[in-house]
Amino acid sequence: MRGAVLGLGMIGRHHARLLQSTPQVSFAGAVDPLGDVHGAVSDPALVFSSVADLLAAGPLDFAVVAVPTEEHLAAVREVTSAGASVLVEKPIAANAAEGRELITIVEAAGVRGAVGHVERCNPALIELRERINDGQLGELFLIATERVGPFPDRIRDVGVVKDLATHDLDLVRWLGGAPIASLSGQTQSRMGRPHEDLVLINGALTSGVNFSSIVDWLSPTKVRRTRVLGERGMLVADTLTADLTFYENGAVGSEWGATQSLRGVSEGDVTRYAIARREPLRVQLDRFLGLLGDSADPQVVTLAEGLETLASAEAVLESAASGKTVTPNAAGA
């Protein structure tokens, strides 16, 4: 299949690297009006200044859309009109209304589409979810995520909610296996930008599982941690190192009758799992190619799921502005 990447920025250059090293892909080129500033494309002749120039150079089976978020809709419209399927970097669009329009465009073109929520391809989170689904934790109580670190200079068009917290809003829904029923958010803007740079989110899934997320661009150290608590213990994933640790509930007796009825859990065995590690972006590309190859279970993030996550992000901003608990609404009714 002939595939291209639109945008050669911080994430687009890695997409270009993978497309050029994937045997089942014929690299059709990359589009960036600023050129290949990171040297990601081995053949300079395959760097184009516009999508029109790319399409004029030959047919296209798919494109990875890694342009700035506000340009997603126009880019998808242009490549799908030429019959190309799309893998769109998260968030799916600048806002939910554009996300719904994007889905309509893809469906009308009769092509395939997916959203690049690459955290679902992190080996520690894949293993964590499998263990949840196998019942290792029993009934789930809480999913808590922490995603903090210094401000990335690449950001210009969105705040921390749509850029980073969309990872977490997607993960809590995916790990918990149920949509977000309600949420509340609090934000701060400390860097003088028009967008927020810190957010605290609390909410519940339709299954009754609670979740919380802390996300900021203000911390002097980078942390990526997902904790899932259940009746039998806790699984903790460090997605920077792709480590997964299980903290099992202990059981200790008490001879003091007055405290026995108040006893909770105690510390039990701790197990750090050995996990096979593959680059998450490579896993995501393989899954997308599986979608294009009619795989029975490609495990991609669908366009509808991407829209649902974006609607949840907008609900966070709405809650922060109003001080009220909000129910996300991807349908836009």
Protein backbone atom coordinates (compact mmCIF):
# COMPACT_ATOMS: atom_id res chain seq x y z
CA MET A 1 0.00 0.00 0.00
CA ARG A 2 1.19 3.51 -0.80
CA GLY A 3 1.17 5.62 2.33
CA ALA A 4 2.19 9.18 3.19
CA VAL A 5 2.44 11.42 6.23
CA LEU A 6 1.05 14.94 6.42
CA GLY A 7 3.17 17.02 8.77
CA LEU A 8 6.81 16.44 9.74
CA GLY A 9 6.76 17.89 13.23
CA MET A 10 7.58 16.17 16.52
CA ILE A 11 5.25 13.21 15.91
CA GLY A 12 5.04 13.31 12.11
CA ARG A 13 8.76 12.70 11.70
CA HIS A 14 8.42 9.43 13.62
CA HIS A 15 5.49 8.38 11.45
CA ALA A 16 7.71 9.07 8.42
CA ARG A 17 10.49 6.92 9.89
CA LEU A 18 8.13 3.99 10.43
CA LEU A 19 6.44 4.26 7.04
CA GLN A 20 9.84 4.13 5.33
CA SER A 21 10.88 1.02 7.27
CA THR A 22 7.67 -1.00 6.95
CA PRO A 23 7.91 -3.74 4.28
CA GLN A 24 4.21 -3.74 3.40
CA VAL A 25 4.21 0.03 2.81
CA SER A 26 5.49 1.89 -0.24
CA PHE A 27 6.37 5.34 1.06
CA ALA A 28 4.62 7.87 -1.15
CA GLY A 29 6.09 10.92 0.56
CA ALA A 30 5.56 13.57 3.20
CA VAL A 31 3.88 16.96 3.13
CA ASP A 32 5.12 19.94 5.11
CA PRO A 33 5.22 23.55 3.89
CA LEU A 34 8.31 24.10 6.08
CA GLY A 35 10.14 21.17 4.50
CA ASP A 36 11.92 18.33 6.25
CA VAL A 37 13.54 20.27 9.08
CA HIS A 38 14.25 17.10 11.11
CA GLY A 39 15.74 15.11 8.22
CA ALA A 40 13.08 12.42 8.54
CA VAL A 41 12.73 11.56 4.84
CA SER A 42 15.61 9.75 3.15
CA ASP A 43 14.72 10.92 -0.37
CA PRO A 44 14.32 14.72 -0.63
CA ALA A 45 12.25 14.24 -3.77
CA LEU A 46 9.51 12.74 -1.59
CA VAL A 47 9.01 15.89 0.47
CA PHE A 48 6.13 18.00 -0.86
CA SER A 49 4.95 21.46 0.09
CA SER A 50 1.25 20.69 -0.36
CA VAL A 51 -1.19 17.78 -0.41
CA ALA A 52 -2.03 18.66 -4.01
CA ASP A 53 1.62 18.12 -5.01
CA LEU A 54 1.67 14.80 -3.17
CA LEU A 55 -1.48 13.57 -4.91
CA ALA A 56 -0.17 14.71 -8.29
CA ALA A 57 2.87 12.45 -7.82
CA GLY A 58 0.80 9.25 -7.77
CA PRO A 59 -2.14 7.39 -6.20
CA LEU A 60 -2.42 7.19 -2.43
CA ASP A 61 -3.90 4.39 -0.34
CA PHE A 62 -3.63 6.08 3.05
CA ALA A 63 -2.23 9.07 4.88
CA VAL A 64 -1.19 9.69 8.46
CA VAL A 65 -2.54 13.12 9.39
CA ALA A 66 -0.07 14.75 11.79
CA VAL A 67 -0.63 18.42 10.96
CA PRO A 68 -1.69 20.88 13.71
CA THR A 69 -5.08 20.05 15.18
CA GLU A 70 -6.91 22.98 13.60
CA GLU A 71 -5.82 21.72 10.15
CA HIS A 72 -7.10 18.14 10.55
CA LEU A 73 -10.47 18.70 8.90
CA ALA A 74 -9.11 20.33 5.75
CA ALA A 75 -6.34 17.75 5.39
CA VAL A 76 -8.74 14.82 5.79
CA ARG A 77 -11.15 16.35 3.29
CA GLU A 78 -8.39 16.68 0.69
CA VAL A 79 -6.85 13.21 0.95
CA THR A 80 -10.11 11.29 1.32
CA SER A 81 -11.44 12.98 -1.82
CA ALA A 82 -8.59 11.17 -3.59
CA GLY A 83 -9.68 7.82 -2.12
CA ALA A 84 -7.12 7.62 0.69
CA SER A 85 -7.88 6.23 4.14
CA VAL A 86 -6.65 8.21 7.16
CA LEU A 87 -4.98 7.70 10.51
CA VAL A 88 -5.61 11.02 12.30
CA GLU A 89 -3.42 12.05 15.21
CA LYS A 90 -5.32 12.82 18.41
CA PRO A 91 -7.36 14.81 19.12
CA ILE A 92 -9.48 13.93 16.12
CA ALA A 93 -10.26 17.60 15.42
CA ALA A 94 -10.15 21.08 16.92
CA ASN A 95 -13.65 20.68 18.37
CA ALA A 96 -16.47 18.14 18.49
CA ALA A 97 -18.43 19.84 15.69
CA GLU A 98 -15.45 19.50 13.35
CA GLY A 99 -14.95 15.94 14.58
CA ARG A 100 -18.48 15.02 13.54
CA GLU A 101 -17.93 16.69 10.16
CA LEU A 102 -14.67 14.78 9.72
CA ILE A 103 -16.43 11.47 10.33
CA THR A 104 -19.11 12.39 7.79
CA ILE A 105 -16.42 13.18 5.20
CA VAL A 106 -14.64 9.85 5.74
CA GLU A 107 -17.89 7.87 5.54
CA ALA A 108 -19.02 9.71 2.40
CA ALA A 109 -15.69 8.96 0.72
CA GLY A 110 -16.08 5.24 1.47
CA VAL A 111 -12.61 4.96 3.03
CA ARG A 112 -11.33 3.80 6.42
CA GLY A 113 -10.37 5.98 9.36
CA ALA A 114 -8.84 5.70 12.82
CA VAL A 115 -7.45 8.02 15.49
CA GLY A 116 -3.90 7.94 16.81
CA HIS A 117 -4.35 7.54 20.57
CA VAL A 118 -0.98 5.83 20.83
CA GLU A 119 -1.13 5.23 24.61
CA ARG A 120 -3.44 2.29 23.93
CA CYS A 121 -0.41 0.67 22.29
CA ASN A 122 1.90 1.07 25.28
CA PRO A 123 2.98 -2.46 26.30
CA ALA A 124 2.37 -1.82 30.01
CA LEU A 125 -1.18 -0.62 29.37
CA ILE A 126 -1.94 -3.47 26.97
CA GLU A 127 -0.86 -5.93 29.66
CA LEU A 128 -2.76 -4.03 32.35
CA ARG A 129 -5.99 -4.14 30.37
CA GLU A 130 -5.63 -7.85 29.64
CA ARG A 131 -5.22 -8.54 33.34
CA ILE A 132 -8.26 -6.42 34.18
CA ASN A 133 -10.33 -8.29 31.60
CA ASP A 134 -9.08 -11.62 32.97
CA GLY A 135 -10.46 -10.66 36.38
CA GLN A 136 -7.18 -10.25 38.24
CA LEU A 137 -8.46 -7.25 40.20
CA GLY A 138 -12.02 -8.46 40.57
CA GLU A 139 -14.49 -5.59 40.81
CA LEU A 140 -12.94 -2.27 39.78
CA PHE A 141 -13.13 0.73 42.12
CA LEU A 142 -10.93 3.44 40.66
CA ILE A 143 -8.81 4.36 37.64
CA ALA A 144 -6.33 7.15 38.38
CA THR A 145 -3.89 8.70 35.92
CA GLU A 146 -1.07 11.21 36.31
CA ARG A 147 0.49 12.89 33.27
CA VAL A 148 2.73 15.80 34.23
CA GLY A 149 5.93 17.43 33.05
CA PRO A 150 7.51 20.57 31.60
CA PHE A 151 5.87 22.57 28.82
CA PRO A 152 6.64 21.24 25.30
CA ASP A 153 7.59 24.02 22.87
CA ARG A 154 5.77 22.21 20.05
CA ILE A 155 2.34 23.24 21.41
CA ARG A 156 0.72 26.31 19.92
CA ASP A 157 -2.97 25.71 19.28
CA VAL A 158 -4.49 23.92 22.29
CA GLY A 159 -4.24 23.71 26.06
CA VAL A 160 -3.29 20.79 28.24
CA VAL A 161 -6.84 19.37 28.20
CA LYS A 162 -7.08 18.70 24.47
CA ASP A 163 -3.39 17.95 23.96
CA LEU A 164 -2.60 15.68 26.93
CA ALA A 165 -5.74 14.94 28.92
CA THR A 166 -7.32 13.40 25.82
CA HIS A 167 -4.88 10.52 26.38
CA ASP A 168 -6.26 10.00 29.88
CA LEU A 169 -9.92 10.45 28.99
CA ASP A 170 -9.49 7.79 26.30
CA LEU A 171 -7.59 5.48 28.65
CA VAL A 172 -10.09 5.54 31.52
CA ARG A 173 -12.89 4.67 29.10
CA TRP A 174 -10.82 1.93 27.41
CA LEU A 175 -9.48 0.39 30.62
CA GLY A 176 -12.82 0.67 32.41
CA GLY A 177 -14.78 -0.74 29.48
CA ALA A 178 -17.58 1.82 29.76
CA PRO A 179 -18.31 5.39 28.61
CA ILE A 180 -17.83 8.41 30.85
CA ALA A 181 -21.13 9.21 32.57
CA SER A 182 -20.16 12.48 34.25
CA LEU A 183 -17.11 14.53 35.13
CA SER A 184 -15.96 17.71 36.76
CA GLY A 185 -12.81 19.66 35.98
CA GLN A 186 -10.71 22.43 37.44
CA THR A 187 -8.07 24.25 35.38
CA GLN A 188 -5.30 26.81 35.90
CA SER A 189 -3.37 29.02 33.47
CA ARG A 190 -0.01 29.97 34.93
CA MET A 191 2.23 30.58 31.90
CA GLY A 192 0.50 33.57 30.33
CA ARG A 193 -0.86 31.57 27.39
CA PRO A 194 -4.53 31.80 26.33
CA HIS A 195 -4.97 28.09 27.16
CA GLU A 196 -4.93 26.14 30.40
CA ASP A 197 -1.73 24.43 31.53
CA LEU A 198 -3.06 22.39 34.48
CA VAL A 199 -6.22 20.36 34.93
CA LEU A 200 -7.70 18.16 37.64
CA ILE A 201 -10.49 15.82 36.51
CA ASN A 202 -12.80 13.65 38.60
CA GLY A 203 -15.61 11.57 37.24
CA ALA A 204 -17.46 8.28 36.91
CA LEU A 205 -18.05 5.77 34.14
CA THR A 206 -21.52 4.45 33.35
CA SER A 207 -20.44 1.22 35.09
CA GLY A 208 -20.01 3.10 38.37
CA VAL A 209 -16.20 3.00 38.34
CA ASN A 210 -14.70 6.30 39.48
CA PHE A 211 -11.72 7.95 37.82
CA SER A 212 -9.37 10.85 38.38
CA SER A 213 -6.70 12.49 36.23
CA ILE A 214 -3.99 15.02 37.03
CA VAL A 215 -2.42 16.63 33.95
CA ASP A 216 -0.10 19.61 33.71
CA TRP A 217 2.74 21.34 31.86
CA LEU A 218 4.11 22.89 35.06
CA SER A 219 5.98 20.03 36.76
CA PRO A 220 9.80 19.99 36.56
CA THR A 221 9.85 16.23 36.11
CA LYS A 222 7.99 13.97 33.67
CA VAL A 223 5.57 11.42 35.14
CA ARG A 224 3.27 9.04 33.25
CA ARG A 225 1.43 6.76 35.66
CA THR A 226 -1.82 4.82 35.49
CA ARG A 227 -3.22 3.14 38.62
CA VAL A 228 -6.20 0.78 38.65
CA LEU A 229 -7.61 -0.23 42.03
CA GLY A 230 -9.92 -3.19 42.54
CA GLU A 231 -11.19 -5.52 45.23
CA ARG A 232 -8.13 -7.82 45.00
CA GLY A 233 -5.37 -5.24 44.74
CA MET A 234 -3.89 -2.62 42.47
CA LEU A 235 -2.11 -2.57 39.09
CA VAL A 236 0.24 0.34 38.43
CA ALA A 237 1.66 1.10 34.97
CA ASP A 238 4.59 3.43 34.37
CA THR A 239 4.18 4.20 30.68
CA LEU A 240 7.54 5.97 30.37
CA THR A 241 9.39 2.75 31.20
CA ALA A 242 6.60 0.34 30.16
CA ASP A 243 6.70 -1.28 33.61
CA LEU A 244 3.67 -2.92 35.23
CA THR A 245 3.48 -3.79 38.92
CA PHE A 246 0.80 -5.67 40.86
CA TYR A 247 0.22 -4.84 44.52
CA GLU A 248 -1.82 -7.67 45.96
CA ASN A 249 -4.12 -7.20 48.91
CA GLY A 250 -2.79 -8.78 52.07
CA ALA A 251 -4.90 -10.27 54.82
CA VAL A 252 -3.94 -9.87 58.45
CA GLY A 253 -5.94 -10.99 61.40
CA SER A 254 -6.66 -8.98 64.52
CA GLU A 255 -7.13 -10.18 68.08
CA TRP A 256 -8.59 -6.83 69.07
CA GLY A 257 -12.31 -7.28 68.50
CA ALA A 258 -13.05 -3.58 68.54
CA THR A 259 -10.97 -3.01 65.40
CA GLN A 260 -11.81 -6.18 63.49
CA SER A 261 -14.96 -4.71 61.91
CA LEU A 262 -12.97 -1.68 60.71
CA ARG A 263 -10.13 -3.64 59.12
CA GLY A 264 -9.46 -2.92 55.46
CA VAL A 265 -6.70 -4.42 53.37
CA SER A 266 -3.02 -4.65 54.20
CA GLU A 267 0.10 -4.81 52.05
CA GLY A 268 0.51 -8.14 50.33
CA ASP A 269 2.88 -9.50 47.70
CA VAL A 270 4.29 -7.15 45.05
CA THR A 271 5.00 -8.45 41.54
CA ARG A 272 6.73 -6.58 38.73
CA TYR A 273 5.94 -8.26 35.44
CA ALA A 274 8.36 -8.97 32.61
CA ILE A 275 6.74 -7.54 29.48
CA ALA A 276 7.73 -7.77 25.82
CA ARG A 277 8.29 -4.20 24.64
CA ARG A 278 7.50 -2.94 21.15
CA GLU A 279 7.47 0.70 20.10
CA PRO A 280 3.88 1.88 20.62
CA LEU A 281 3.83 3.91 17.39
CA ARG A 282 4.89 0.78 15.47
CA VAL A 283 2.09 -1.23 17.11
CA GLN A 284 -0.38 1.51 16.18
CA LEU A 285 0.74 1.48 12.54
CA ASP A 286 0.47 -2.31 12.38
CA ARG A 287 -3.07 -2.14 13.74
CA PHE A 288 -4.04 0.53 11.21
CA LEU A 289 -2.62 -1.56 8.37
CA GLY A 290 -4.67 -4.43 9.76
CA LEU A 291 -7.77 -2.26 9.47
CA LEU A 292 -6.94 -1.51 5.84
CA GLY A 293 -6.34 -5.22 5.26
CA ASP A 294 -9.77 -6.13 6.66
CA SER A 295 -8.44 -7.67 9.87
CA ALA A 296 -11.18 -9.24 11.94
CA ASP A 297 -9.99 -7.34 15.04
CA PRO A 298 -7.57 -4.52 14.16
CA GLN A 299 -7.88 -2.94 17.64
CA VAL A 300 -7.66 0.60 16.30
CA VAL A 301 -9.20 3.61 18.01
CA THR A 302 -12.26 4.27 15.86
CA LEU A 303 -13.29 7.71 14.67
CA ALA A 304 -16.37 7.48 16.89
CA GLU A 305 -14.19 6.75 19.93
CA GLY A 306 -11.94 9.67 19.03
CA LEU A 307 -14.98 11.94 18.86
CA GLU A 308 -16.24 10.64 22.21
CA THR A 309 -12.90 11.48 23.82
CA LEU A 310 -12.89 14.97 22.31
CA ALA A 311 -16.44 15.55 23.60
CA SER A 312 -15.24 14.51 27.06
CA ALA A 313 -12.36 17.01 26.82
CA GLU A 314 -14.81 19.77 25.93
CA ALA A 315 -16.96 18.70 28.88
CA VAL A 316 -13.93 19.17 31.14
CA LEU A 317 -13.48 22.73 29.87
CA GLU A 318 -17.21 23.40 30.24
CA SER A 319 -17.14 22.12 33.80
CA ALA A 320 -14.08 24.21 34.66
CA ALA A 321 -15.79 27.33 33.30
CA SER A 322 -19.14 26.71 34.98
CA GLY A 323 -18.10 25.02 38.20
CA LYS A 324 -20.65 22.27 37.52
CA THR A 325 -20.52 18.53 36.89
CA VAL A 326 -21.05 17.83 33.19
CA THR A 327 -22.19 14.85 31.09
CA PRO A 328 -20.16 14.53 27.84
CA ASN A 329 -22.21 14.62 24.63
CA ALA A 330 -20.48 13.36 21.50
CA ALA A 331 -23.75 13.42 19.54
CA GLY A 332 -23.95 17.18 19.79
CA ALA A 333 -27.70 17.19 20.36
